[in-house]
Amino acid sequence: MVNKLTSIFSRILFSVASLLLLITIIEWILRLFGWTFSWLPYNPGRLLEFAAYIMIFVIVLLLRQIREKM
């Protein structure tokens, strides 16, 4: 049961990190043309940091699952 919840949780976090990365890339491209997302309270670099923190957490969860399988 715990392995299943961990797997679901890591997939959700991976999806969130991927979405943040996508928003960051789009924001950087928009800023090249002088536009920006008005609803976005953070700079693209800060969003990239959030995505990196989440990805580190996902990697830790995956390494924990690998260790439990061995």
N, C-alpha and C. Protein backbone atom coordinates (compact mmCIF):
# COMPACT_ATOMS: atom_id res chain seq x y z
N MET A 1 0.82 -1.20 0.00
CA MET A 1 0.00 0.00 0.00
C MET A 1 0.86 1.26 0.00
N VAL A 2 1.92 1.24 0.82
CA VAL A 2 2.80 2.41 0.88
C VAL A 2 3.54 2.60 -0.44
N ASN A 3 3.95 1.51 -1.07
CA ASN A 3 4.64 1.61 -2.35
C ASN A 3 3.75 2.21 -3.43
N LYS A 4 2.48 1.84 -3.40
CA LYS A 4 1.54 2.37 -4.38
C LYS A 4 1.33 3.86 -4.17
N LEU A 5 1.16 4.28 -2.92
CA LEU A 5 0.99 5.70 -2.62
C LEU A 5 2.24 6.50 -2.98
N THR A 6 3.39 5.94 -2.69
CA THR A 6 4.65 6.61 -3.03
C THR A 6 4.78 6.77 -4.54
N SER A 7 4.39 5.75 -5.28
CA SER A 7 4.46 5.81 -6.73
C SER A 7 3.52 6.87 -7.28
N ILE A 8 2.30 6.91 -6.77
CA ILE A 8 1.34 7.92 -7.22
C ILE A 8 1.82 9.32 -6.87
N PHE A 9 2.33 9.47 -5.65
CA PHE A 9 2.82 10.78 -5.20
C PHE A 9 3.99 11.25 -6.05
N SER A 10 4.91 10.35 -6.38
CA SER A 10 6.06 10.75 -7.20
C SER A 10 5.63 11.11 -8.62
N ARG A 11 4.61 10.42 -9.15
CA ARG A 11 4.11 10.77 -10.49
C ARG A 11 3.44 12.13 -10.50
N ILE A 12 2.69 12.43 -9.45
CA ILE A 12 2.04 13.75 -9.35
C ILE A 12 3.10 14.84 -9.25
N LEU A 13 4.09 14.62 -8.40
CA LEU A 13 5.15 15.63 -8.25
C LEU A 13 5.95 15.80 -9.54
N PHE A 14 6.19 14.72 -10.26
CA PHE A 14 6.89 14.81 -11.53
C PHE A 14 6.07 15.63 -12.54
N SER A 15 4.76 15.43 -12.54
CA SER A 15 3.90 16.19 -13.43
C SER A 15 3.91 17.68 -13.09
N VAL A 16 3.88 17.99 -11.81
CA VAL A 16 3.93 19.38 -11.37
C VAL A 16 5.25 20.03 -11.76
N ALA A 17 6.35 19.31 -11.56
CA ALA A 17 7.67 19.85 -11.93
C ALA A 17 7.77 20.05 -13.43
N SER A 18 7.23 19.13 -14.21
CA SER A 18 7.25 19.28 -15.66
C SER A 18 6.42 20.48 -16.11
N LEU A 19 5.27 20.68 -15.46
CA LEU A 19 4.43 21.83 -15.77
C LEU A 19 5.14 23.14 -15.44
N LEU A 20 5.81 23.18 -14.29
CA LEU A 20 6.57 24.39 -13.93
C LEU A 20 7.70 24.65 -14.92
N LEU A 21 8.35 23.61 -15.37
CA LEU A 21 9.42 23.74 -16.36
C LEU A 21 8.86 24.27 -17.67
N LEU A 22 7.72 23.77 -18.09
CA LEU A 22 7.09 24.22 -19.32
C LEU A 22 6.69 25.69 -19.22
N ILE A 23 6.10 26.09 -18.10
CA ILE A 23 5.72 27.49 -17.90
C ILE A 23 6.96 28.38 -17.91
N THR A 24 8.04 27.90 -17.31
CA THR A 24 9.29 28.67 -17.29
C THR A 24 9.82 28.89 -18.70
N ILE A 25 9.84 27.85 -19.50
CA ILE A 25 10.35 27.97 -20.87
C ILE A 25 9.48 28.92 -21.69
N ILE A 26 8.16 28.79 -21.56
CA ILE A 26 7.26 29.69 -22.29
C ILE A 26 7.45 31.13 -21.83
N GLU A 27 7.61 31.35 -20.54
CA GLU A 27 7.82 32.71 -20.02
C GLU A 27 9.12 33.31 -20.55
N TRP A 28 10.20 32.51 -20.60
CA TRP A 28 11.46 33.02 -21.14
C TRP A 28 11.31 33.40 -22.61
N ILE A 29 10.60 32.58 -23.37
CA ILE A 29 10.39 32.89 -24.79
C ILE A 29 9.54 34.16 -24.94
N LEU A 30 8.50 34.28 -24.12
CA LEU A 30 7.67 35.48 -24.18
C LEU A 30 8.44 36.74 -23.81
N ARG A 31 9.34 36.63 -22.85
CA ARG A 31 10.12 37.80 -22.44
C ARG A 31 11.09 38.26 -23.54
N LEU A 32 11.46 37.36 -24.44
CA LEU A 32 12.28 37.77 -25.58
C LEU A 32 11.54 38.76 -26.47
N PHE A 33 10.22 38.62 -26.54
CA PHE A 33 9.40 39.50 -27.36
C PHE A 33 8.80 40.65 -26.57
N GLY A 34 9.11 40.74 -25.29
CA GLY A 34 8.63 41.85 -24.47
C GLY A 34 7.30 41.59 -23.79
N TRP A 35 6.80 40.39 -23.87
CA TRP A 35 5.54 40.06 -23.19
C TRP A 35 5.83 39.28 -21.93
N THR A 36 4.80 39.11 -21.11
CA THR A 36 4.94 38.32 -19.90
C THR A 36 3.57 37.82 -19.45
N PHE A 37 3.56 36.81 -18.60
CA PHE A 37 2.31 36.38 -17.98
C PHE A 37 2.02 37.33 -16.84
N SER A 38 0.86 37.96 -16.85
CA SER A 38 0.54 38.91 -15.79
C SER A 38 0.11 38.21 -14.51
N TRP A 39 -0.34 36.97 -14.60
CA TRP A 39 -0.83 36.24 -13.43
C TRP A 39 0.29 35.49 -12.72
N LEU A 40 1.49 35.56 -13.24
CA LEU A 40 2.61 34.81 -12.68
C LEU A 40 3.37 35.67 -11.67
N PRO A 41 3.33 35.32 -10.38
CA PRO A 41 3.97 36.18 -9.38
C PRO A 41 5.48 36.02 -9.27
N TYR A 42 6.07 34.99 -9.91
CA TYR A 42 7.49 34.71 -9.77
C TYR A 42 8.22 34.90 -11.09
N ASN A 43 9.52 35.18 -10.98
CA ASN A 43 10.36 35.22 -12.17
C ASN A 43 10.59 33.80 -12.69
N PRO A 44 10.94 33.67 -13.97
CA PRO A 44 11.17 32.32 -14.51
C PRO A 44 12.28 31.56 -13.79
N GLY A 45 13.31 32.25 -13.33
CA GLY A 45 14.38 31.58 -12.62
C GLY A 45 13.90 30.97 -11.31
N ARG A 46 13.01 31.67 -10.64
CA ARG A 46 12.47 31.16 -9.38
C ARG A 46 11.59 29.92 -9.63
N LEU A 47 10.82 29.95 -10.72
CA LEU A 47 10.01 28.78 -11.07
C LEU A 47 10.89 27.58 -11.39
N LEU A 48 12.01 27.85 -12.04
CA LEU A 48 12.95 26.78 -12.35
C LEU A 48 13.53 26.18 -11.06
N GLU A 49 13.77 27.02 -10.06
CA GLU A 49 14.24 26.52 -8.77
C GLU A 49 13.20 25.62 -8.13
N PHE A 50 11.93 26.04 -8.16
CA PHE A 50 10.87 25.21 -7.59
C PHE A 50 10.80 23.86 -8.30
N ALA A 51 10.91 23.88 -9.62
CA ALA A 51 10.87 22.63 -10.39
C ALA A 51 12.05 21.74 -10.01
N ALA A 52 13.23 22.33 -9.81
CA ALA A 52 14.40 21.54 -9.43
C ALA A 52 14.24 20.93 -8.04
N TYR A 53 13.68 21.69 -7.09
CA TYR A 53 13.45 21.15 -5.75
C TYR A 53 12.50 19.96 -5.80
N ILE A 54 11.45 20.09 -6.57
CA ILE A 54 10.48 19.01 -6.68
C ILE A 54 11.11 17.79 -7.34
N MET A 55 11.92 18.01 -8.37
CA MET A 55 12.56 16.89 -9.06
C MET A 55 13.55 16.17 -8.14
N ILE A 56 14.25 16.89 -7.29
CA ILE A 56 15.14 16.25 -6.33
C ILE A 56 14.35 15.35 -5.39
N PHE A 57 13.20 15.83 -4.95
CA PHE A 57 12.35 15.03 -4.08
C PHE A 57 11.86 13.77 -4.80
N VAL A 58 11.49 13.90 -6.08
CA VAL A 58 11.05 12.75 -6.87
C VAL A 58 12.19 11.74 -7.03
N ILE A 59 13.39 12.21 -7.27
CA ILE A 59 14.54 11.32 -7.40
C ILE A 59 14.79 10.57 -6.11
N VAL A 60 14.65 11.23 -4.98
CA VAL A 60 14.83 10.57 -3.68
C VAL A 60 13.77 9.49 -3.49
N LEU A 61 12.53 9.79 -3.86
CA LEU A 61 11.48 8.78 -3.75
C LEU A 61 11.76 7.58 -4.64
N LEU A 62 12.23 7.82 -5.86
CA LEU A 62 12.53 6.72 -6.77
C LEU A 62 13.70 5.88 -6.27
N LEU A 63 14.73 6.53 -5.73
CA LEU A 63 15.86 5.78 -5.18
C LEU A 63 15.43 4.95 -3.97
N ARG A 64 14.51 5.47 -3.19
CA ARG A 64 13.98 4.72 -2.04
C ARG A 64 13.23 3.48 -2.53
N GLN A 65 12.45 3.63 -3.58
CA GLN A 65 11.73 2.47 -4.13
C GLN A 65 12.70 1.42 -4.67
N ILE A 66 13.76 1.87 -5.33
CA ILE A 66 14.76 0.94 -5.85
C ILE A 66 15.44 0.19 -4.71
N ARG A 67 15.77 0.90 -3.65
CA ARG A 67 16.41 0.27 -2.50
C ARG A 67 15.51 -0.77 -1.86
N GLU A 68 14.21 -0.49 -1.79
CA GLU A 68 13.28 -1.44 -1.18
C GLU A 68 13.11 -2.69 -2.03
N LYS A 69 13.26 -2.56 -3.34
CA LYS A 69 13.13 -3.72 -4.24
C LYS A 69 14.33 -4.66 -4.11
N MET A 70 15.48 -4.12 -3.74
CA MET A 70 16.69 -4.94 -3.67
C MET A 70 16.75 -5.71 -2.41
